Amino acid sequence: MDFEIRTARADEYGRLGEITGAAYSGDGLLDLNEDDTYLNVLRDVAGRAGDGEVLVAVEDGRVLGGVTFAAPGSRLADVAGPQEAEFRMLAVAPEARGKGVGEALVRACTERARAQGLRALVLSTQPAMLGARRIYERLGFVRTPELDWSPIPALKLLTYRLEL
Protein backbone atom coordinates (compact mmCIF):
# COMPACT_ATOMS: atom_id res chain seq x y z
CA MET A 1 0.00 0.00 0.00
CA ASP A 2 1.42 3.35 -1.05
CA PHE A 3 0.08 6.24 1.03
CA GLU A 4 1.22 9.59 2.35
CA ILE A 5 0.88 11.12 5.82
CA ARG A 6 0.08 14.82 5.95
CA THR A 7 -2.02 17.43 7.72
CA ALA A 8 -5.72 16.91 7.07
CA ARG A 9 -7.57 19.37 4.85
CA ALA A 10 -10.95 20.76 5.85
CA ASP A 11 -12.67 18.86 3.04
CA GLU A 12 -11.36 15.60 4.60
CA TYR A 13 -12.70 16.24 8.11
CA GLY A 14 -16.07 14.62 7.44
CA ARG A 15 -14.58 11.40 6.12
CA LEU A 16 -12.02 11.19 8.94
CA GLY A 17 -14.81 11.78 11.46
CA GLU A 18 -16.74 8.87 9.95
CA ILE A 19 -13.67 6.61 10.06
CA THR A 20 -12.87 7.55 13.65
CA GLY A 21 -16.43 7.12 14.91
CA ALA A 22 -16.82 3.83 13.04
CA ALA A 23 -13.47 2.50 14.31
CA TYR A 24 -14.42 3.06 17.94
CA SER A 25 -18.03 1.92 17.63
CA GLY A 26 -17.22 -0.99 15.31
CA ASP A 27 -14.62 -2.27 17.75
CA GLY A 28 -17.21 -2.19 20.56
CA LEU A 29 -15.57 0.72 22.37
CA LEU A 30 -18.66 2.93 22.61
CA ASP A 31 -22.27 2.63 23.72
CA LEU A 32 -23.34 2.42 20.05
CA ASN A 33 -26.00 5.08 20.11
CA GLU A 34 -26.09 8.34 18.20
CA ASP A 35 -26.27 10.36 21.42
CA ASP A 36 -23.01 8.92 22.75
CA THR A 37 -21.08 12.02 23.84
CA TYR A 38 -17.68 10.64 22.92
CA LEU A 39 -18.90 9.48 19.51
CA ASN A 40 -19.75 13.10 18.77
CA VAL A 41 -16.26 14.16 19.92
CA LEU A 42 -14.67 11.52 17.68
CA ARG A 43 -16.61 12.79 14.68
CA ASP A 44 -15.72 16.46 15.35
CA VAL A 45 -12.46 16.64 13.43
CA ALA A 46 -12.85 20.37 12.80
CA GLY A 47 -13.03 20.94 16.55
CA ARG A 48 -9.83 18.97 17.10
CA ALA A 49 -8.04 20.79 14.30
CA GLY A 50 -8.39 24.03 16.24
CA ASP A 51 -6.47 22.64 19.23
CA GLY A 52 -4.08 20.16 17.64
CA GLU A 53 -2.71 18.95 14.35
CA VAL A 54 -4.91 16.40 12.63
CA LEU A 55 -2.89 14.06 10.44
CA VAL A 56 -4.28 11.76 7.78
CA ALA A 57 -3.02 8.84 5.78
CA VAL A 58 -4.15 9.25 2.18
CA GLU A 59 -3.88 6.99 -0.86
CA ASP A 60 -4.99 8.27 -4.26
CA GLY A 61 -7.05 11.01 -2.59
CA ARG A 62 -8.80 8.54 -0.27
CA VAL A 63 -8.51 9.01 3.50
CA LEU A 64 -7.38 5.75 5.13
CA GLY A 65 -7.11 6.94 8.72
CA GLY A 66 -5.93 9.68 10.99
CA VAL A 67 -4.66 10.80 14.36
CA THR A 68 -4.59 14.03 16.35
CA PHE A 69 -1.23 15.36 17.58
CA ALA A 70 -1.46 17.57 20.67
CA ALA A 71 1.63 19.70 21.22
CA PRO A 72 2.46 20.99 24.70
CA GLY A 73 -0.23 23.34 25.96
CA SER A 74 -2.98 21.89 23.76
CA ARG A 75 -6.41 21.55 25.39
CA LEU A 76 -6.51 18.07 23.84
CA ALA A 77 -3.69 16.75 26.03
CA ASP A 78 -5.00 14.60 28.87
CA VAL A 79 -1.84 13.14 30.42
CA ALA A 80 1.09 15.00 28.85
CA GLY A 81 3.37 16.87 31.20
CA PRO A 82 5.84 19.67 30.51
CA GLN A 83 7.97 19.04 27.41
CA GLU A 84 5.67 16.20 26.31
CA ALA A 85 3.32 15.86 23.35
CA GLU A 86 0.34 13.54 23.22
CA PHE A 87 -1.58 11.90 20.44
CA ARG A 88 -5.22 10.93 20.42
CA MET A 89 -7.96 9.30 18.40
CA LEU A 90 -5.83 7.08 16.20
CA ALA A 91 -8.19 5.39 13.74
CA VAL A 92 -7.80 3.39 10.55
CA ALA A 93 -10.55 2.45 8.09
CA PRO A 94 -11.33 -1.29 8.15
CA GLU A 95 -10.12 -1.83 4.59
CA ALA A 96 -6.74 -0.26 5.41
CA ARG A 97 -6.02 -2.15 8.63
CA GLY A 98 -2.99 -4.38 8.74
CA LYS A 99 -1.22 -2.38 6.03
CA GLY A 100 0.97 -0.16 8.21
CA VAL A 101 -1.31 2.89 8.26
CA GLY A 102 -1.66 3.04 12.05
CA GLU A 103 2.04 2.60 12.58
CA ALA A 104 2.86 5.30 10.02
CA LEU A 105 0.52 7.74 11.76
CA VAL A 106 2.15 7.04 15.14
CA ARG A 107 5.61 7.47 13.60
CA ALA A 108 4.51 10.84 12.17
CA CYS A 109 3.52 11.96 15.68
CA THR A 110 6.87 10.77 17.01
CA GLU A 111 8.71 12.73 14.32
CA ARG A 112 6.74 15.89 15.16
CA ALA A 113 7.52 15.59 18.84
CA ARG A 114 11.23 15.03 18.13
CA ALA A 115 11.31 17.97 15.71
CA GLN A 116 9.91 20.18 18.49
CA GLY A 117 12.69 19.06 20.84
CA LEU A 118 10.29 17.45 23.29
CA ARG A 119 11.37 14.84 25.81
CA ALA A 120 8.47 12.37 25.38
CA LEU A 121 5.33 11.40 23.50
CA VAL A 122 2.45 10.00 25.55
CA LEU A 123 -0.98 8.50 24.92
CA SER A 124 -4.01 6.94 26.56
CA THR A 125 -5.71 3.81 25.26
CA GLN A 126 -8.43 1.40 26.22
CA PRO A 127 -7.48 -2.10 27.40
CA ALA A 128 -9.50 -3.59 24.52
CA MET A 129 -7.45 -1.75 21.86
CA LEU A 130 -5.09 -4.69 21.43
CA GLY A 131 -4.00 -3.90 17.86
CA ALA A 132 -3.11 -0.32 18.75
CA ARG A 133 -1.29 -1.44 21.89
CA ARG A 134 0.82 -3.84 19.79
CA ILE A 135 1.83 -0.93 17.57
CA TYR A 136 2.79 1.22 20.56
CA GLU A 137 4.87 -1.51 22.16
CA ARG A 138 6.57 -2.41 18.88
CA LEU A 139 7.58 1.25 18.48
CA GLY A 140 9.09 1.40 21.96
CA PHE A 141 6.29 2.94 24.01
CA VAL A 142 6.34 1.77 27.63
CA ARG A 143 3.35 1.37 29.94
CA THR A 144 3.04 4.04 32.61
CA PRO A 145 0.44 2.60 35.01
CA GLU A 146 0.98 5.44 37.46
CA LEU A 147 -0.70 7.75 34.92
CA ASP A 148 -3.69 5.49 34.12
CA TRP A 149 -6.94 7.38 34.55
CA SER A 150 -10.70 7.24 34.13
CA PRO A 151 -12.58 9.92 32.18
CA ILE A 152 -15.80 8.29 33.43
CA PRO A 153 -16.19 5.79 36.28
CA ALA A 154 -16.80 2.76 34.03
CA LEU A 155 -13.77 3.33 31.79
CA LYS A 156 -10.14 2.98 32.82
CA LEU A 157 -7.58 4.18 30.29
CA LEU A 158 -4.06 2.78 30.11
CA THR A 159 -1.19 5.14 29.40
CA TYR A 160 2.04 4.75 27.44
CA ARG A 161 5.14 6.90 27.04
CA LEU A 162 7.96 7.05 24.52
CA GLU A 163 11.16 8.78 25.61
CA LEU A 164 12.53 10.83 22.71
C-alpha atoms as a PDB file:
ATOM      1  CA  MET A   1       0.000   0.000   0.000  1.00  0.00           C
ATOM      2  CA  ASP A   2       1.424   3.351  -1.050  1.00  0.00           C
ATOM      3  CA  PHE A   3       0.076   6.239   1.032  1.00  0.00           C
ATOM      4  CA  GLU A   4       1.216   9.590   2.353  1.00  0.00           C
ATOM      5  CA  ILE A   5       0.883  11.118   5.820  1.00  0.00           C
ATOM      6  CA  ARG A   6       0.080  14.816   5.946  1.00  0.00           C
ATOM      7  CA  THR A   7      -2.023  17.426   7.715  1.00  0.00           C
ATOM      8  CA  ALA A   8      -5.722  16.912   7.065  1.00  0.00           C
ATOM      9  CA  ARG A   9      -7.568  19.370   4.847  1.00  0.00           C
ATOM     10  CA  ALA A  10     -10.947  20.763   5.852  1.00  0.00           C
ATOM     11  CA  ASP A  11     -12.665  18.858   3.042  1.00  0.00           C
ATOM     12  CA  GLU A  12     -11.364  15.598   4.600  1.00  0.00           C
ATOM     13  CA  TYR A  13     -12.696  16.239   8.112  1.00  0.00           C
ATOM     14  CA  GLY A  14     -16.071  14.622   7.441  1.00  0.00           C
ATOM     15  CA  ARG A  15     -14.578  11.396   6.116  1.00  0.00           C
ATOM     16  CA  LEU A  16     -12.023  11.186   8.938  1.00  0.00           C
ATOM     17  CA  GLY A  17     -14.812  11.781  11.459  1.00  0.00           C
ATOM     18  CA  GLU A  18     -16.742   8.869   9.953  1.00  0.00           C
ATOM     19  CA  ILE A  19     -13.672   6.608  10.061  1.00  0.00           C
ATOM     20  CA  THR A  20     -12.871   7.546  13.649  1.00  0.00           C
ATOM     21  CA  GLY A  21     -16.428   7.116  14.910  1.00  0.00           C
ATOM     22  CA  ALA A  22     -16.815   3.831  13.044  1.00  0.00           C
ATOM     23  CA  ALA A  23     -13.473   2.504  14.310  1.00  0.00           C
ATOM     24  CA  TYR A  24     -14.420   3.056  17.938  1.00  0.00           C
ATOM     25  CA  SER A  25     -18.034   1.922  17.631  1.00  0.00           C
ATOM     26  CA  GLY A  26     -17.216  -0.994  15.308  1.00  0.00           C
ATOM     27  CA  ASP A  27     -14.623  -2.270  17.753  1.00  0.00           C
ATOM     28  CA  GLY A  28     -17.207  -2.190  20.561  1.00  0.00           C
ATOM     29  CA  LEU A  29     -15.565   0.724  22.373  1.00  0.00           C
ATOM     30  CA  LEU A  30     -18.655   2.935  22.613  1.00  0.00           C
ATOM     31  CA  ASP A  31     -22.268   2.634  23.719  1.00  0.00           C
ATOM     32  CA  LEU A  32     -23.337   2.417  20.054  1.00  0.00           C
ATOM     33  CA  ASN A  33     -26.000   5.081  20.110  1.00  0.00           C
ATOM     34  CA  GLU A  34     -26.090   8.343  18.196  1.00  0.00           C
ATOM     35  CA  ASP A  35     -26.270  10.358  21.422  1.00  0.00           C
ATOM     36  CA  ASP A  36     -23.007   8.924  22.753  1.00  0.00           C
ATOM     37  CA  THR A  37     -21.081  12.021  23.843  1.00  0.00           C
ATOM     38  CA  TYR A  38     -17.676  10.644  22.919  1.00  0.00           C
ATOM     39  CA  LEU A  39     -18.904   9.476  19.513  1.00  0.00           C
ATOM     40  CA  ASN A  40     -19.749  13.103  18.771  1.00  0.00           C
ATOM     41  CA  VAL A  41     -16.264  14.165  19.916  1.00  0.00           C
ATOM     42  CA  LEU A  42     -14.668  11.525  17.680  1.00  0.00           C
ATOM     43  CA  ARG A  43     -16.613  12.790  14.678  1.00  0.00           C
ATOM     44  CA  ASP A  44     -15.722  16.456  15.355  1.00  0.00           C
ATOM     45  CA  VAL A  45     -12.463  16.637  13.428  1.00  0.00           C
ATOM     46  CA  ALA A  46     -12.854  20.371  12.798  1.00  0.00           C
ATOM     47  CA  GLY A  47     -13.031  20.945  16.554  1.00  0.00           C
ATOM     48  CA  ARG A  48      -9.833  18.968  17.104  1.00  0.00           C
ATOM     49  CA  ALA A  49      -8.042  20.787  14.298  1.00  0.00           C
ATOM     50  CA  GLY A  50      -8.395  24.032  16.239  1.00  0.00           C
ATOM     51  CA  ASP A  51      -6.473  22.637  19.227  1.00  0.00           C
ATOM     52  CA  GLY A  52      -4.079  20.164  17.637  1.00  0.00           C
ATOM     53  CA  GLU A  53      -2.707  18.947  14.347  1.00  0.00           C
ATOM     54  CA  VAL A  54      -4.907  16.396  12.627  1.00  0.00           C
ATOM     55  CA  LEU A  55      -2.886  14.063  10.444  1.00  0.00           C
ATOM     56  CA  VAL A  56      -4.283  11.762   7.778  1.00  0.00           C
ATOM     57  CA  ALA A  57      -3.024   8.835   5.777  1.00  0.00           C
ATOM     58  CA  VAL A  58      -4.149   9.248   2.182  1.00  0.00           C
ATOM     59  CA  GLU A  59      -3.880   6.990  -0.861  1.00  0.00           C
ATOM     60  CA  ASP A  60      -4.994   8.268  -4.257  1.00  0.00           C
ATOM     61  CA  GLY A  61      -7.047  11.012  -2.590  1.00  0.00           C
ATOM     62  CA  ARG A  62      -8.803   8.543  -0.274  1.00  0.00           C
ATOM     63  CA  VAL A  63      -8.511   9.006   3.505  1.00  0.00           C
ATOM     64  CA  LEU A  64      -7.378   5.751   5.129  1.00  0.00           C
ATOM     65  CA  GLY A  65      -7.111   6.937   8.717  1.00  0.00           C
ATOM     66  CA  GLY A  66      -5.933   9.683  10.985  1.00  0.00           C
ATOM     67  CA  VAL A  67      -4.656  10.803  14.356  1.00  0.00           C
ATOM     68  CA  THR A  68      -4.594  14.027  16.351  1.00  0.00           C
ATOM     69  CA  PHE A  69      -1.234  15.360  17.580  1.00  0.00           C
ATOM     70  CA  ALA A  70      -1.464  17.568  20.674  1.00  0.00           C
ATOM     71  CA  ALA A  71       1.627  19.705  21.219  1.00  0.00           C
ATOM     72  CA  PRO A  72       2.464  20.991  24.700  1.00  0.00           C
ATOM     73  CA  GLY A  73      -0.229  23.342  25.963  1.00  0.00           C
ATOM     74  CA  SER A  74      -2.983  21.895  23.761  1.00  0.00           C
ATOM     75  CA  ARG A  75      -6.411  21.549  25.392  1.00  0.00           C
ATOM     76  CA  LEU A  76      -6.514  18.074  23.835  1.00  0.00           C
ATOM     77  CA  ALA A  77      -3.694  16.754  26.034  1.00  0.00           C
ATOM     78  CA  ASP A  78      -4.997  14.601  28.872  1.00  0.00           C
ATOM     79  CA  VAL A  79      -1.844  13.137  30.422  1.00  0.00           C
ATOM     80  CA  ALA A  80       1.089  15.003  28.855  1.00  0.00           C
ATOM     81  CA  GLY A  81       3.372  16.868  31.204  1.00  0.00           C
ATOM     82  CA  PRO A  82       5.839  19.667  30.509  1.00  0.00           C
ATOM     83  CA  GLN A  83       7.965  19.045  27.410  1.00  0.00           C
ATOM     84  CA  GLU A  84       5.668  16.203  26.309  1.00  0.00           C
ATOM     85  CA  ALA A  85       3.322  15.857  23.351  1.00  0.00           C
ATOM     86  CA  GLU A  86       0.342  13.538  23.217  1.00  0.00           C
ATOM     87  CA  PHE A  87      -1.583  11.904  20.435  1.00  0.00           C
ATOM     88  CA  ARG A  88      -5.221  10.932  20.416  1.00  0.00           C
ATOM     89  CA  MET A  89      -7.962   9.304  18.397  1.00  0.00           C
ATOM     90  CA  LEU A  90      -5.831   7.076  16.199  1.00  0.00           C
ATOM     91  CA  ALA A  91      -8.187   5.393  13.738  1.00  0.00           C
ATOM     92  CA  VAL A  92      -7.796   3.387  10.546  1.00  0.00           C
ATOM     93  CA  ALA A  93     -10.549   2.454   8.088  1.00  0.00           C
ATOM     94  CA  PRO A  94     -11.334  -1.286   8.155  1.00  0.00           C
ATOM     95  CA  GLU A  95     -10.124  -1.831   4.588  1.00  0.00           C
ATOM     96  CA  ALA A  96      -6.741  -0.265   5.413  1.00  0.00           C
ATOM     97  CA  ARG A  97      -6.016  -2.148   8.635  1.00  0.00           C
ATOM     98  CA  GLY A  98      -2.987  -4.385   8.736  1.00  0.00           C
ATOM     99  CA  LYS A  99      -1.220  -2.385   6.028  1.00  0.00           C
ATOM    100  CA  GLY A 100       0.967  -0.161   8.208  1.00  0.00           C
ATOM    101  CA  VAL A 101      -1.306   2.886   8.259  1.00  0.00           C
ATOM    102  CA  GLY A 102      -1.663   3.042  12.047  1.00  0.00           C
ATOM    103  CA  GLU A 103       2.045   2.602  12.582  1.00  0.00           C
ATOM    104  CA  ALA A 104       2.861   5.298  10.017  1.00  0.00           C
ATOM    105  CA  LEU A 105       0.522   7.736  11.764  1.00  0.00           C
ATOM    106  CA  VAL A 106       2.149   7.037  15.143  1.00  0.00           C
ATOM    107  CA  ARG A 107       5.606   7.468  13.603  1.00  0.00           C
ATOM    108  CA  ALA A 108       4.512  10.838  12.174  1.00  0.00           C
ATOM    109  CA  CYS A 109       3.522  11.957  15.679  1.00  0.00           C
ATOM    110  CA  THR A 110       6.874  10.772  17.010  1.00  0.00           C
ATOM    111  CA  GLU A 111       8.708  12.732  14.316  1.00  0.00           C
ATOM    112  CA  ARG A 112       6.740  15.894  15.155  1.00  0.00           C
ATOM    113  CA  ALA A 113       7.523  15.586  18.845  1.00  0.00           C
ATOM    114  CA  ARG A 114      11.226  15.034  18.132  1.00  0.00           C
ATOM    115  CA  ALA A 115      11.315  17.972  15.713  1.00  0.00           C
ATOM    116  CA  GLN A 116       9.913  20.178  18.489  1.00  0.00           C
ATOM    117  CA  GLY A 117      12.694  19.059  20.839  1.00  0.00           C
ATOM    118  CA  LEU A 118      10.291  17.453  23.295  1.00  0.00           C
ATOM    119  CA  ARG A 119      11.368  14.836  25.807  1.00  0.00           C
ATOM    120  CA  ALA A 120       8.474  12.371  25.383  1.00  0.00           C
ATOM    121  CA  LEU A 121       5.332  11.404  23.503  1.00  0.00           C
ATOM    122  CA  VAL A 122       2.451   9.996  25.551  1.00  0.00           C
ATOM    123  CA  LEU A 123      -0.978   8.501  24.922  1.00  0.00           C
ATOM    124  CA  SER A 124      -4.009   6.938  26.565  1.00  0.00           C
ATOM    125  CA  THR A 125      -5.711   3.811  25.258  1.00  0.00           C
ATOM    126  CA  GLN A 126      -8.433   1.395  26.219  1.00  0.00           C
ATOM    127  CA  PRO A 127      -7.479  -2.097  27.401  1.00  0.00           C
ATOM    128  CA  ALA A 128      -9.501  -3.591  24.524  1.00  0.00           C
ATOM    129  CA  MET A 129      -7.449  -1.750  21.862  1.00  0.00           C
ATOM    130  CA  LEU A 130      -5.089  -4.687  21.426  1.00  0.00           C
ATOM    131  CA  GLY A 131      -3.998  -3.896  17.862  1.00  0.00           C
ATOM    132  CA  ALA A 132      -3.112  -0.325  18.754  1.00  0.00           C
ATOM    133  CA  ARG A 133      -1.286  -1.444  21.891  1.00  0.00           C
ATOM    134  CA  ARG A 134       0.824  -3.844  19.795  1.00  0.00           C
ATOM    135  CA  ILE A 135       1.834  -0.928  17.566  1.00  0.00           C
ATOM    136  CA  TYR A 136       2.791   1.222  20.560  1.00  0.00           C
ATOM    137  CA  GLU A 137       4.868  -1.508  22.163  1.00  0.00           C
ATOM    138  CA  ARG A 138       6.568  -2.413  18.877  1.00  0.00           C
ATOM    139  CA  LEU A 139       7.580   1.254  18.478  1.00  0.00           C
ATOM    140  CA  GLY A 140       9.093   1.396  21.962  1.00  0.00           C
ATOM    141  CA  PHE A 141       6.292   2.938  24.011  1.00  0.00           C
ATOM    142  CA  VAL A 142       6.344   1.769  27.627  1.00  0.00           C
ATOM    143  CA  ARG A 143       3.348   1.373  29.937  1.00  0.00           C
ATOM    144  CA  THR A 144       3.037   4.043  32.614  1.00  0.00           C
ATOM    145  CA  PRO A 145       0.440   2.595  35.006  1.00  0.00           C
ATOM    146  CA  GLU A 146       0.985   5.441  37.458  1.00  0.00           C
ATOM    147  CA  LEU A 147      -0.696   7.753  34.916  1.00  0.00           C
ATOM    148  CA  ASP A 148      -3.688   5.485  34.117  1.00  0.00           C
ATOM    149  CA  TRP A 149      -6.935   7.377  34.553  1.00  0.00           C
ATOM    150  CA  SER A 150     -10.700   7.242  34.128  1.00  0.00           C
ATOM    151  CA  PRO A 151     -12.584   9.919  32.184  1.00  0.00           C
ATOM    152  CA  ILE A 152     -15.803   8.294  33.426  1.00  0.00           C
ATOM    153  CA  PRO A 153     -16.185   5.790  36.276  1.00  0.00           C
ATOM    154  CA  ALA A 154     -16.804   2.763  34.026  1.00  0.00           C
ATOM    155  CA  LEU A 155     -13.769   3.330  31.788  1.00  0.00           C
ATOM    156  CA  LYS A 156     -10.137   2.977  32.815  1.00  0.00           C
ATOM    157  CA  LEU A 157      -7.577   4.185  30.293  1.00  0.00           C
ATOM    158  CA  LEU A 158      -4.064   2.784  30.107  1.00  0.00           C
ATOM    159  CA  THR A 159      -1.187   5.140  29.399  1.00  0.00           C
ATOM    160  CA  TYR A 160       2.036   4.752  27.444  1.00  0.00           C
ATOM    161  CA  ARG A 161       5.138   6.898  27.040  1.00  0.00           C
ATOM    162  CA  LEU A 162       7.958   7.047  24.519  1.00  0.00           C
ATOM    163  CA  GLU A 163      11.158   8.778  25.605  1.00  0.00           C
ATOM    164  CA  LEU A 164      12.534  10.831  22.710  1.00  0.00           C
END
